[in-house]
Amino acid sequence: MQPDLRPYTNALWIAAGFLWLASSISTKRNLRIQTGSSRAFQVLLAASGFLLYFAPWSYGPLGSKVLPDSAPIAYTGLVLTAAGIGFAVWARLTLGRNWSGVVSTKKDHALIRKGPYAVVRHPIYSGGLFALFGTALCVGELRGFIGCAFVFAGWWMKSRLEERFMLEQFGSEYAHYQHDVKGLIPFVL
């Protein structure tokens, strides 16, 4: 029988949310930010994905089990959730005051290439997606995997815009970084 590990995955996500909220207070001043319309669609996709995960109900086919009840699958999902959130938190702490919830360039913006940023250019998204996939394994329902696809689409769009902003800000230095380090999945994408 599969254990219900959702209280543990939820606790990990809540802790990450509080860290994000607390650390957002001391960011650098934005010099340029994305338009509201581009932000709205990205947020709509990602929020829809998270809603599919964390809604307290399973509706119709979205609540269908797509994985067998299995303790090893559930515990693997919990480990992936913790590892993904840990990687995203490491990236957030490494980014420091350069972080922003919206695509932006900052006053005295620095190009960070150390820590998780030496592995992928968008480690917060990579870690978040890894954690979401782990949470989907724990839940084992179709809604979790569809939610992962929605979040991926929103974050993929956001990462493309971030790439344009960074190229404009850092020029050839960022182009070299793009050449040297993959965006989301080490050595692949």
N, C-alpha and C. Protein backbone atom coordinates (compact mmCIF):
# COMPACT_ATOMS: atom_id res chain seq x y z
N MET A 1 0.83 -1.19 0.00
CA MET A 1 0.00 0.00 0.00
C MET A 1 0.88 1.25 0.00
N GLN A 2 0.45 2.25 -0.75
CA GLN A 2 1.23 3.48 -0.86
C GLN A 2 0.95 4.40 0.32
N PRO A 3 1.99 4.85 1.01
CA PRO A 3 1.77 5.78 2.11
C PRO A 3 1.38 7.16 1.56
N ASP A 4 0.60 7.90 2.31
CA ASP A 4 0.23 9.26 1.92
C ASP A 4 1.31 10.21 2.42
N LEU A 5 2.17 10.62 1.51
CA LEU A 5 3.29 11.50 1.87
C LEU A 5 3.00 12.97 1.57
N ARG A 6 1.77 13.26 1.15
CA ARG A 6 1.43 14.65 0.81
C ARG A 6 1.66 15.62 1.97
N PRO A 7 1.40 15.26 3.22
CA PRO A 7 1.71 16.23 4.29
C PRO A 7 3.20 16.62 4.30
N TYR A 8 4.07 15.70 3.96
CA TYR A 8 5.50 15.99 3.95
C TYR A 8 5.89 16.83 2.74
N THR A 9 5.35 16.48 1.57
CA THR A 9 5.66 17.29 0.39
C THR A 9 5.07 18.69 0.55
N ASN A 10 3.87 18.77 1.09
CA ASN A 10 3.26 20.09 1.32
C ASN A 10 4.10 20.92 2.28
N ALA A 11 4.60 20.29 3.33
CA ALA A 11 5.43 21.02 4.30
C ALA A 11 6.70 21.55 3.64
N LEU A 12 7.30 20.76 2.76
CA LEU A 12 8.49 21.22 2.03
C LEU A 12 8.16 22.44 1.17
N TRP A 13 7.04 22.37 0.45
CA TRP A 13 6.64 23.49 -0.40
C TRP A 13 6.31 24.73 0.43
N ILE A 14 5.65 24.56 1.55
CA ILE A 14 5.30 25.70 2.40
C ILE A 14 6.57 26.34 2.95
N ALA A 15 7.52 25.53 3.40
CA ALA A 15 8.79 26.07 3.91
C ALA A 15 9.51 26.86 2.82
N ALA A 16 9.54 26.32 1.60
CA ALA A 16 10.18 27.03 0.49
C ALA A 16 9.46 28.35 0.22
N GLY A 17 8.13 28.33 0.28
CA GLY A 17 7.36 29.55 0.06
C GLY A 17 7.68 30.63 1.09
N PHE A 18 7.80 30.23 2.35
CA PHE A 18 8.15 31.20 3.39
C PHE A 18 9.56 31.76 3.17
N LEU A 19 10.50 30.90 2.77
CA LEU A 19 11.85 31.39 2.48
C LEU A 19 11.81 32.41 1.35
N TRP A 20 11.06 32.12 0.29
CA TRP A 20 10.96 33.05 -0.84
C TRP A 20 10.36 34.37 -0.39
N LEU A 21 9.32 34.31 0.40
CA LEU A 21 8.67 35.52 0.88
C LEU A 21 9.63 36.35 1.73
N ALA A 22 10.29 35.70 2.66
CA ALA A 22 11.21 36.42 3.55
C ALA A 22 12.39 37.01 2.79
N SER A 23 12.92 36.28 1.84
CA SER A 23 14.10 36.77 1.13
C SER A 23 13.77 37.78 0.05
N SER A 24 12.50 37.93 -0.30
CA SER A 24 12.14 38.89 -1.35
C SER A 24 12.16 40.33 -0.84
N ILE A 25 12.25 40.49 0.45
CA ILE A 25 12.22 41.82 1.05
C ILE A 25 13.49 42.62 0.74
N SER A 26 14.62 41.95 0.62
CA SER A 26 15.89 42.66 0.50
C SER A 26 16.53 42.53 -0.88
N THR A 27 15.74 42.64 -1.93
CA THR A 27 16.31 42.54 -3.27
C THR A 27 16.72 43.93 -3.77
N LYS A 28 17.57 43.93 -4.78
CA LYS A 28 17.99 45.19 -5.38
C LYS A 28 16.83 45.84 -6.12
N ARG A 29 16.97 47.13 -6.34
CA ARG A 29 15.94 47.89 -7.04
C ARG A 29 15.91 47.49 -8.52
N ASN A 30 14.69 47.30 -9.06
CA ASN A 30 14.52 46.99 -10.48
C ASN A 30 14.80 48.23 -11.32
N LEU A 31 15.51 48.04 -12.42
CA LEU A 31 15.69 49.11 -13.39
C LEU A 31 14.75 48.92 -14.58
N ARG A 32 14.49 47.67 -14.91
CA ARG A 32 13.62 47.34 -16.04
C ARG A 32 12.87 46.06 -15.69
N ILE A 33 11.58 46.03 -15.96
CA ILE A 33 10.80 44.81 -15.71
C ILE A 33 9.97 44.46 -16.93
N GLN A 34 9.58 43.21 -16.98
CA GLN A 34 8.75 42.72 -18.07
C GLN A 34 7.38 43.41 -18.05
N THR A 35 6.69 43.35 -19.17
CA THR A 35 5.36 43.94 -19.24
C THR A 35 4.37 43.11 -18.44
N GLY A 36 3.30 43.75 -18.05
CA GLY A 36 2.26 43.07 -17.29
C GLY A 36 1.59 41.95 -18.07
N SER A 37 1.42 42.15 -19.36
CA SER A 37 0.74 41.12 -20.16
C SER A 37 1.60 39.87 -20.29
N SER A 38 2.92 40.02 -20.46
CA SER A 38 3.76 38.82 -20.55
C SER A 38 3.80 38.11 -19.20
N ARG A 39 3.82 38.86 -18.15
CA ARG A 39 3.84 38.29 -16.80
C ARG A 39 2.53 37.55 -16.50
N ALA A 40 1.42 38.12 -16.93
CA ALA A 40 0.12 37.54 -16.61
C ALA A 40 -0.03 36.13 -17.18
N PHE A 41 0.38 35.92 -18.42
CA PHE A 41 0.22 34.61 -19.03
C PHE A 41 1.14 33.58 -18.36
N GLN A 42 2.38 33.97 -18.05
CA GLN A 42 3.31 33.07 -17.36
C GLN A 42 2.76 32.67 -15.99
N VAL A 43 2.24 33.64 -15.26
CA VAL A 43 1.70 33.37 -13.93
C VAL A 43 0.46 32.49 -14.03
N LEU A 44 -0.38 32.75 -15.03
CA LEU A 44 -1.59 31.95 -15.22
C LEU A 44 -1.23 30.47 -15.45
N LEU A 45 -0.26 30.21 -16.30
CA LEU A 45 0.16 28.83 -16.56
C LEU A 45 0.71 28.17 -15.30
N ALA A 46 1.65 28.84 -14.65
CA ALA A 46 2.28 28.26 -13.46
C ALA A 46 1.27 28.10 -12.32
N ALA A 47 0.43 29.10 -12.10
CA ALA A 47 -0.55 29.02 -11.03
C ALA A 47 -1.56 27.90 -11.30
N SER A 48 -1.94 27.71 -12.56
CA SER A 48 -2.85 26.62 -12.91
C SER A 48 -2.21 25.28 -12.58
N GLY A 49 -0.92 25.16 -12.89
CA GLY A 49 -0.20 23.93 -12.58
C GLY A 49 -0.15 23.66 -11.09
N PHE A 50 0.18 24.67 -10.31
CA PHE A 50 0.23 24.50 -8.86
C PHE A 50 -1.15 24.21 -8.29
N LEU A 51 -2.18 24.83 -8.84
CA LEU A 51 -3.54 24.56 -8.38
C LEU A 51 -3.90 23.09 -8.61
N LEU A 52 -3.51 22.55 -9.76
CA LEU A 52 -3.78 21.13 -10.01
C LEU A 52 -3.11 20.25 -8.96
N TYR A 53 -1.92 20.63 -8.54
CA TYR A 53 -1.21 19.86 -7.52
C TYR A 53 -1.86 19.95 -6.16
N PHE A 54 -2.12 21.17 -5.75
CA PHE A 54 -2.40 21.41 -4.34
C PHE A 54 -3.87 21.64 -4.01
N ALA A 55 -4.74 21.57 -5.01
CA ALA A 55 -6.17 21.68 -4.71
C ALA A 55 -6.55 20.52 -3.80
N PRO A 56 -7.41 20.77 -2.83
CA PRO A 56 -7.76 19.70 -1.89
C PRO A 56 -8.72 18.67 -2.47
N TRP A 57 -9.01 18.76 -3.76
CA TRP A 57 -9.93 17.84 -4.39
C TRP A 57 -9.30 17.25 -5.63
N SER A 58 -9.79 16.11 -5.98
CA SER A 58 -9.42 15.48 -7.25
C SER A 58 -10.70 15.39 -8.06
N TYR A 59 -10.70 15.99 -9.22
CA TYR A 59 -11.92 16.10 -9.99
C TYR A 59 -11.88 15.21 -11.23
N GLY A 60 -12.85 14.33 -11.34
CA GLY A 60 -13.03 13.51 -12.55
C GLY A 60 -11.76 12.83 -12.99
N PRO A 61 -11.50 12.87 -14.30
CA PRO A 61 -10.32 12.17 -14.84
C PRO A 61 -9.00 12.72 -14.31
N LEU A 62 -8.99 13.99 -13.89
CA LEU A 62 -7.75 14.56 -13.35
C LEU A 62 -7.30 13.85 -12.08
N GLY A 63 -8.25 13.27 -11.36
CA GLY A 63 -7.94 12.54 -10.13
C GLY A 63 -7.61 11.08 -10.36
N SER A 64 -7.56 10.67 -11.62
CA SER A 64 -7.26 9.27 -11.94
C SER A 64 -5.85 8.91 -11.52
N LYS A 65 -5.71 7.75 -10.90
CA LYS A 65 -4.38 7.24 -10.56
C LYS A 65 -3.70 6.79 -11.84
N VAL A 66 -2.49 7.26 -12.08
CA VAL A 66 -1.74 6.86 -13.27
C VAL A 66 -0.50 6.05 -12.90
N LEU A 67 -0.27 5.92 -11.61
CA LEU A 67 0.84 5.11 -11.11
C LEU A 67 0.28 4.07 -10.16
N PRO A 68 0.90 2.93 -10.10
CA PRO A 68 0.42 1.92 -9.14
C PRO A 68 0.71 2.39 -7.71
N ASP A 69 -0.13 1.93 -6.78
CA ASP A 69 0.15 2.20 -5.37
C ASP A 69 1.45 1.50 -5.03
N SER A 70 2.44 2.27 -4.67
CA SER A 70 3.76 1.70 -4.42
C SER A 70 4.52 2.58 -3.43
N ALA A 71 4.93 2.00 -2.33
CA ALA A 71 5.73 2.75 -1.36
C ALA A 71 7.05 3.22 -1.97
N PRO A 72 7.77 2.38 -2.76
CA PRO A 72 9.02 2.88 -3.36
C PRO A 72 8.80 4.10 -4.27
N ILE A 73 7.72 4.10 -5.05
CA ILE A 73 7.44 5.26 -5.92
C ILE A 73 7.16 6.49 -5.06
N ALA A 74 6.35 6.33 -4.02
CA ALA A 74 6.00 7.45 -3.16
C ALA A 74 7.24 8.02 -2.47
N TYR A 75 8.07 7.15 -1.92
CA TYR A 75 9.28 7.64 -1.23
C TYR A 75 10.29 8.24 -2.21
N THR A 76 10.36 7.68 -3.41
CA THR A 76 11.21 8.29 -4.44
C THR A 76 10.71 9.70 -4.73
N GLY A 77 9.39 9.86 -4.84
CA GLY A 77 8.82 11.18 -5.06
C GLY A 77 9.15 12.15 -3.95
N LEU A 78 9.09 11.69 -2.71
CA LEU A 78 9.42 12.55 -1.58
C LEU A 78 10.89 12.99 -1.64
N VAL A 79 11.77 12.06 -1.96
CA VAL A 79 13.20 12.39 -2.06
C VAL A 79 13.44 13.39 -3.19
N LEU A 80 12.78 13.18 -4.34
CA LEU A 80 12.93 14.11 -5.47
C LEU A 80 12.38 15.49 -5.12
N THR A 81 11.26 15.51 -4.40
CA THR A 81 10.69 16.80 -3.98
C THR A 81 11.68 17.54 -3.09
N ALA A 82 12.22 16.85 -2.10
CA ALA A 82 13.18 17.48 -1.18
C ALA A 82 14.44 17.92 -1.92
N ALA A 83 14.96 17.06 -2.80
CA ALA A 83 16.18 17.42 -3.55
C ALA A 83 15.93 18.60 -4.47
N GLY A 84 14.80 18.62 -5.16
CA GLY A 84 14.49 19.72 -6.06
C GLY A 84 14.32 21.04 -5.32
N ILE A 85 13.59 20.99 -4.22
CA ILE A 85 13.43 22.21 -3.43
C ILE A 85 14.76 22.65 -2.85
N GLY A 86 15.56 21.70 -2.39
CA GLY A 86 16.89 22.05 -1.88
C GLY A 86 17.75 22.73 -2.94
N PHE A 87 17.72 22.22 -4.17
CA PHE A 87 18.49 22.81 -5.26
C PHE A 87 17.98 24.22 -5.57
N ALA A 88 16.65 24.40 -5.61
CA ALA A 88 16.08 25.72 -5.88
C ALA A 88 16.42 26.71 -4.76
N VAL A 89 16.36 26.26 -3.52
CA VAL A 89 16.71 27.13 -2.39
C VAL A 89 18.18 27.52 -2.46
N TRP A 90 19.05 26.56 -2.76
CA TRP A 90 20.48 26.86 -2.93
C TRP A 90 20.66 27.93 -4.01
N ALA A 91 19.94 27.78 -5.11
CA ALA A 91 20.03 28.76 -6.19
C ALA A 91 19.53 30.12 -5.74
N ARG A 92 18.43 30.14 -5.01
CA ARG A 92 17.86 31.41 -4.55
C ARG A 92 18.82 32.11 -3.62
N LEU A 93 19.43 31.36 -2.71
CA LEU A 93 20.39 31.96 -1.78
C LEU A 93 21.64 32.42 -2.50
N THR A 94 22.08 31.68 -3.51
CA THR A 94 23.26 32.06 -4.29
C THR A 94 22.98 33.33 -5.09
N LEU A 95 21.79 33.46 -5.62
CA LEU A 95 21.42 34.64 -6.42
C LEU A 95 21.33 35.88 -5.55
N GLY A 96 20.96 35.71 -4.31
CA GLY A 96 20.94 36.81 -3.35
C GLY A 96 20.01 37.95 -3.75
N ARG A 97 20.51 39.15 -3.66
CA ARG A 97 19.71 40.34 -3.90
C ARG A 97 19.40 40.57 -5.38
N ASN A 98 20.00 39.77 -6.28
CA ASN A 98 19.72 39.89 -7.71
C ASN A 98 18.40 39.24 -8.10
N TRP A 99 17.78 38.46 -7.20
CA TRP A 99 16.55 37.75 -7.51
C TRP A 99 15.38 38.72 -7.66
N SER A 100 14.43 38.32 -8.49
CA SER A 100 13.17 39.05 -8.62
C SER A 100 12.08 38.07 -9.03
N GLY A 101 10.88 38.31 -8.58
CA GLY A 101 9.74 37.48 -8.97
C GLY A 101 9.30 37.75 -10.40
N VAL A 102 9.66 38.89 -10.91
CA VAL A 102 9.35 39.23 -12.30
C VAL A 102 10.65 39.28 -13.08
N VAL A 103 10.57 39.10 -14.37
CA VAL A 103 11.76 39.22 -15.20
C VAL A 103 12.20 40.68 -15.16
N SER A 104 13.45 40.90 -14.78
CA SER A 104 13.92 42.27 -14.61
C SER A 104 15.43 42.34 -14.72
N THR A 105 15.91 43.55 -14.84
CA THR A 105 17.32 43.83 -14.60
C THR A 105 17.35 44.75 -13.39
N LYS A 106 18.40 44.61 -12.62
CA LYS A 106 18.51 45.30 -11.34
C LYS A 106 19.58 46.38 -11.38
N LYS A 107 19.49 47.27 -10.43
CA LYS A 107 20.58 48.23 -10.22
C LYS A 107 21.79 47.43 -9.74
N ASP A 108 22.94 47.65 -10.35
CA ASP A 108 24.16 46.91 -10.03
C ASP A 108 23.98 45.40 -10.18
N HIS A 109 23.27 45.02 -11.22
CA HIS A 109 22.99 43.60 -11.48
C HIS A 109 24.31 42.86 -11.72
N ALA A 110 24.42 41.68 -11.13
CA ALA A 110 25.62 40.85 -11.30
C ALA A 110 25.22 39.56 -11.99
N LEU A 111 26.06 39.09 -12.88
CA LEU A 111 25.85 37.80 -13.53
C LEU A 111 26.44 36.72 -12.62
N ILE A 112 25.58 35.86 -12.09
CA ILE A 112 26.00 34.81 -11.16
C ILE A 112 26.25 33.54 -11.96
N ARG A 113 27.46 32.98 -11.82
CA ARG A 113 27.82 31.74 -12.53
C ARG A 113 28.36 30.68 -11.59
N LYS A 114 28.25 30.90 -10.30
CA LYS A 114 28.79 29.94 -9.34
C LYS A 114 27.69 29.07 -8.76
N GLY A 115 28.09 28.08 -7.98
CA GLY A 115 27.13 27.21 -7.31
C GLY A 115 26.22 26.53 -8.32
N PRO A 116 24.92 26.54 -8.08
CA PRO A 116 24.00 25.85 -9.00
C PRO A 116 23.96 26.52 -10.37
N TYR A 117 24.37 27.78 -10.46
CA TYR A 117 24.39 28.49 -11.74
C TYR A 117 25.55 28.04 -12.62
N ALA A 118 26.44 27.24 -12.08
CA ALA A 118 27.49 26.61 -12.89
C ALA A 118 26.98 25.31 -13.50
N VAL A 119 25.84 24.82 -13.01
CA VAL A 119 25.25 23.56 -13.48
C VAL A 119 24.19 23.83 -14.55
N VAL A 120 23.29 24.78 -14.27
CA VAL A 120 22.25 25.21 -15.22
C VAL A 120 22.04 26.71 -15.06
N ARG A 121 21.57 27.36 -16.13
CA ARG A 121 21.36 28.81 -16.08
C ARG A 121 20.13 29.20 -15.27
N HIS A 122 19.17 28.30 -15.15
CA HIS A 122 17.92 28.60 -14.44
C HIS A 122 17.66 27.54 -13.36
N PRO A 123 18.56 27.47 -12.36
CA PRO A 123 18.44 26.39 -11.37
C PRO A 123 17.22 26.49 -10.46
N ILE A 124 16.66 27.66 -10.29
CA ILE A 124 15.43 27.75 -9.49
C ILE A 124 14.32 27.01 -10.22
N TYR A 125 14.20 27.22 -11.52
CA TYR A 125 13.18 26.51 -12.29
C TYR A 125 13.50 25.03 -12.37
N SER A 126 14.76 24.69 -12.58
CA SER A 126 15.15 23.28 -12.65
C SER A 126 14.80 22.56 -11.35
N GLY A 127 15.20 23.14 -10.24
CA GLY A 127 14.90 22.53 -8.94
C GLY A 127 13.41 22.47 -8.69
N GLY A 128 12.70 23.54 -9.03
CA GLY A 128 11.25 23.54 -8.85
C GLY A 128 10.56 22.47 -9.67
N LEU A 129 10.98 22.32 -10.92
CA LEU A 129 10.38 21.30 -11.78
C LEU A 129 10.71 19.89 -11.29
N PHE A 130 11.92 19.70 -10.84
CA PHE A 130 12.33 18.41 -10.28
C PHE A 130 11.45 18.09 -9.06
N ALA A 131 11.24 19.10 -8.21
CA ALA A 131 10.42 18.92 -7.02
C ALA A 131 8.96 18.66 -7.39
N LEU A 132 8.46 19.36 -8.39
CA LEU A 132 7.07 19.15 -8.83
C LEU A 132 6.88 17.74 -9.39
N PHE A 133 7.87 17.26 -10.14
CA PHE A 133 7.79 15.89 -10.64
C PHE A 133 7.77 14.91 -9.48
N GLY A 134 8.61 15.16 -8.47
CA GLY A 134 8.61 14.31 -7.28
C GLY A 134 7.27 14.33 -6.57
N THR A 135 6.68 15.51 -6.46
CA THR A 135 5.37 15.62 -5.83
C THR A 135 4.32 14.87 -6.65
N ALA A 136 4.42 14.95 -7.98
CA ALA A 136 3.49 14.21 -8.84
C ALA A 136 3.62 12.70 -8.60
N LEU A 137 4.83 12.23 -8.39
CA LEU A 137 5.02 10.81 -8.07
C LEU A 137 4.35 10.45 -6.75
N CYS A 138 4.46 11.33 -5.77
CA CYS A 138 3.83 11.07 -4.47
C CYS A 138 2.31 11.01 -4.60
N VAL A 139 1.75 11.93 -5.36
CA VAL A 139 0.30 11.99 -5.52
C VAL A 139 -0.16 10.85 -6.42
N GLY A 140 0.59 10.60 -7.50
CA GLY A 140 0.29 9.49 -8.39
C GLY A 140 -0.93 9.68 -9.28
N GLU A 141 -1.47 10.90 -9.29
CA GLU A 141 -2.67 11.18 -10.08
C GLU A 141 -2.31 11.98 -11.33
N LEU A 142 -3.17 11.87 -12.33
CA LEU A 142 -2.97 12.55 -13.60
C LEU A 142 -2.78 14.05 -13.41
N ARG A 143 -3.51 14.64 -12.47
CA ARG A 143 -3.45 16.09 -12.25
C ARG A 143 -2.04 16.56 -11.91
N GLY A 144 -1.26 15.73 -11.23
CA GLY A 144 0.10 16.12 -10.88
C GLY A 144 1.00 16.24 -12.10
N PHE A 145 0.86 15.33 -13.02
CA PHE A 145 1.71 15.35 -14.22
C PHE A 145 1.27 16.44 -15.20
N ILE A 146 -0.04 16.67 -15.28
CA ILE A 146 -0.53 17.78 -16.11
C ILE A 146 -0.10 19.11 -15.48
N GLY A 147 -0.19 19.18 -14.16
CA GLY A 147 0.27 20.39 -13.46
C GLY A 147 1.72 20.67 -13.74
N CYS A 148 2.54 19.63 -13.76
CA CYS A 148 3.97 19.78 -14.05
C CYS A 148 4.15 20.37 -15.45
N ALA A 149 3.37 19.92 -16.40
CA ALA A 149 3.47 20.43 -17.77
C ALA A 149 3.07 21.91 -17.83
N PHE A 150 2.04 22.29 -17.09
CA PHE A 150 1.63 23.70 -17.07
C PHE A 150 2.73 24.58 -16.48
N VAL A 151 3.29 24.16 -15.35
CA VAL A 151 4.34 24.94 -14.71
C VAL A 151 5.56 25.02 -15.62
N PHE A 152 5.92 23.88 -16.24
CA PHE A 152 7.05 23.90 -17.17
C PHE A 152 6.81 24.93 -18.28
N ALA A 153 5.62 24.95 -18.85
CA ALA A 153 5.33 25.90 -19.94
C ALA A 153 5.47 27.35 -19.46
N GLY A 154 4.93 27.65 -18.29
CA GLY A 154 5.04 29.01 -17.76
C GLY A 154 6.47 29.40 -17.47
N TRP A 155 7.21 28.51 -16.85
CA TRP A 155 8.60 28.83 -16.51
C TRP A 155 9.49 28.82 -17.74
N TRP A 156 9.17 28.00 -18.73
CA TRP A 156 9.95 28.00 -19.97
C TRP A 156 9.81 29.37 -20.66
N MET A 157 8.58 29.87 -20.74
CA MET A 157 8.35 31.19 -21.33
C MET A 157 9.10 32.26 -20.55
N LYS A 158 9.02 32.18 -19.24
CA LYS A 158 9.70 33.18 -18.40
C LYS A 158 11.22 33.10 -18.60
N SER A 159 11.75 31.89 -18.70
CA SER A 159 13.21 31.75 -18.87
C SER A 159 13.67 32.31 -20.22
N ARG A 160 12.85 32.19 -21.26
CA ARG A 160 13.20 32.75 -22.57
C ARG A 160 13.28 34.27 -22.49
N LEU A 161 12.34 34.89 -21.78
CA LEU A 161 12.38 36.34 -21.62
C LEU A 161 13.58 36.75 -20.77
N GLU A 162 13.87 35.99 -19.72
CA GLU A 162 15.05 36.28 -18.91
C GLU A 162 16.32 36.22 -19.75
N GLU A 163 16.38 35.25 -20.66
CA GLU A 163 17.55 35.14 -21.54
C GLU A 163 17.73 36.43 -22.35
N ARG A 164 16.64 36.96 -22.89
CA ARG A 164 16.73 38.20 -23.68
C ARG A 164 17.21 39.36 -22.82
N PHE A 165 16.63 39.48 -21.62
CA PHE A 165 17.04 40.55 -20.72
C PHE A 165 18.54 40.43 -20.37
N MET A 166 18.98 39.22 -20.07
CA MET A 166 20.38 39.03 -19.68
C MET A 166 21.34 39.29 -20.86
N LEU A 167 20.94 38.90 -22.05
CA LEU A 167 21.77 39.18 -23.23
C LEU A 167 21.90 40.69 -23.44
N GLU A 168 20.80 41.42 -23.26
CA GLU A 168 20.86 42.87 -23.40
C GLU A 168 21.71 43.50 -22.30
N GLN A 169 21.65 42.94 -21.11
CA GLN A 169 22.38 43.51 -19.97
C GLN A 169 23.88 43.16 -20.02
N PHE A 170 24.20 41.90 -20.34
CA PHE A 170 25.58 41.43 -20.21
C PHE A 170 26.25 41.10 -21.53
N GLY A 171 25.53 41.15 -22.65
CA GLY A 171 26.11 40.97 -23.97
C GLY A 171 26.85 39.66 -24.16
N SER A 172 28.09 39.77 -24.66
CA SER A 172 28.87 38.57 -25.00
C SER A 172 29.19 37.72 -23.77
N GLU A 173 29.28 38.34 -22.61
CA GLU A 173 29.54 37.56 -21.38
C GLU A 173 28.40 36.56 -21.16
N TYR A 174 27.17 37.00 -21.37
CA TYR A 174 26.03 36.10 -21.20
C TYR A 174 25.97 35.10 -22.35
N ALA A 175 26.30 35.52 -23.55
CA ALA A 175 26.31 34.60 -24.70
C ALA A 175 27.29 33.46 -24.46
N HIS A 176 28.44 33.76 -23.88
CA HIS A 176 29.41 32.70 -23.54
C HIS A 176 28.83 31.77 -22.47
N TYR A 177 28.16 32.36 -21.50
CA TYR A 177 27.51 31.57 -20.45
C TYR A 177 26.47 30.63 -21.06
N GLN A 178 25.66 31.14 -22.00
CA GLN A 178 24.67 30.30 -22.69
C GLN A 178 25.35 29.14 -23.41
N HIS A 179 26.48 29.42 -24.01
CA HIS A 179 27.21 28.38 -24.74
C HIS A 179 27.77 27.32 -23.80
N ASP A 180 28.23 27.77 -22.64
CA ASP A 180 28.91 26.87 -21.69
C ASP A 180 27.96 26.06 -20.81
N VAL A 181 26.78 26.60 -20.48
CA VAL A 181 25.91 26.00 -19.48
C VAL A 181 24.49 25.91 -20.05
N LYS A 182 23.89 24.72 -19.97
CA LYS A 182 22.52 24.51 -20.45
C LYS A 182 21.54 25.26 -19.57
N GLY A 183 20.33 25.47 -20.10
CA GLY A 183 19.34 26.29 -19.41
C GLY A 183 18.64 25.62 -18.25
N LEU A 184 18.10 24.43 -18.45
CA LEU A 184 17.27 23.79 -17.42
C LEU A 184 17.74 22.40 -17.00
N ILE A 185 18.24 21.63 -17.95
CA ILE A 185 18.65 20.25 -17.67
C ILE A 185 20.13 20.12 -18.03
N PRO A 186 21.00 19.84 -17.08
CA PRO A 186 22.43 19.76 -17.38
C PRO A 186 22.73 18.86 -18.59
N PHE A 187 23.54 19.36 -19.48
CA PHE A 187 24.03 18.65 -20.68
C PHE A 187 22.94 18.35 -21.72
N VAL A 188 21.68 18.76 -21.46
CA VAL A 188 20.58 18.38 -22.38
C VAL A 188 19.86 19.60 -22.92
N LEU A 189 19.24 20.41 -22.06
CA LEU A 189 18.36 21.50 -22.48
C LEU A 189 18.68 22.78 -21.78
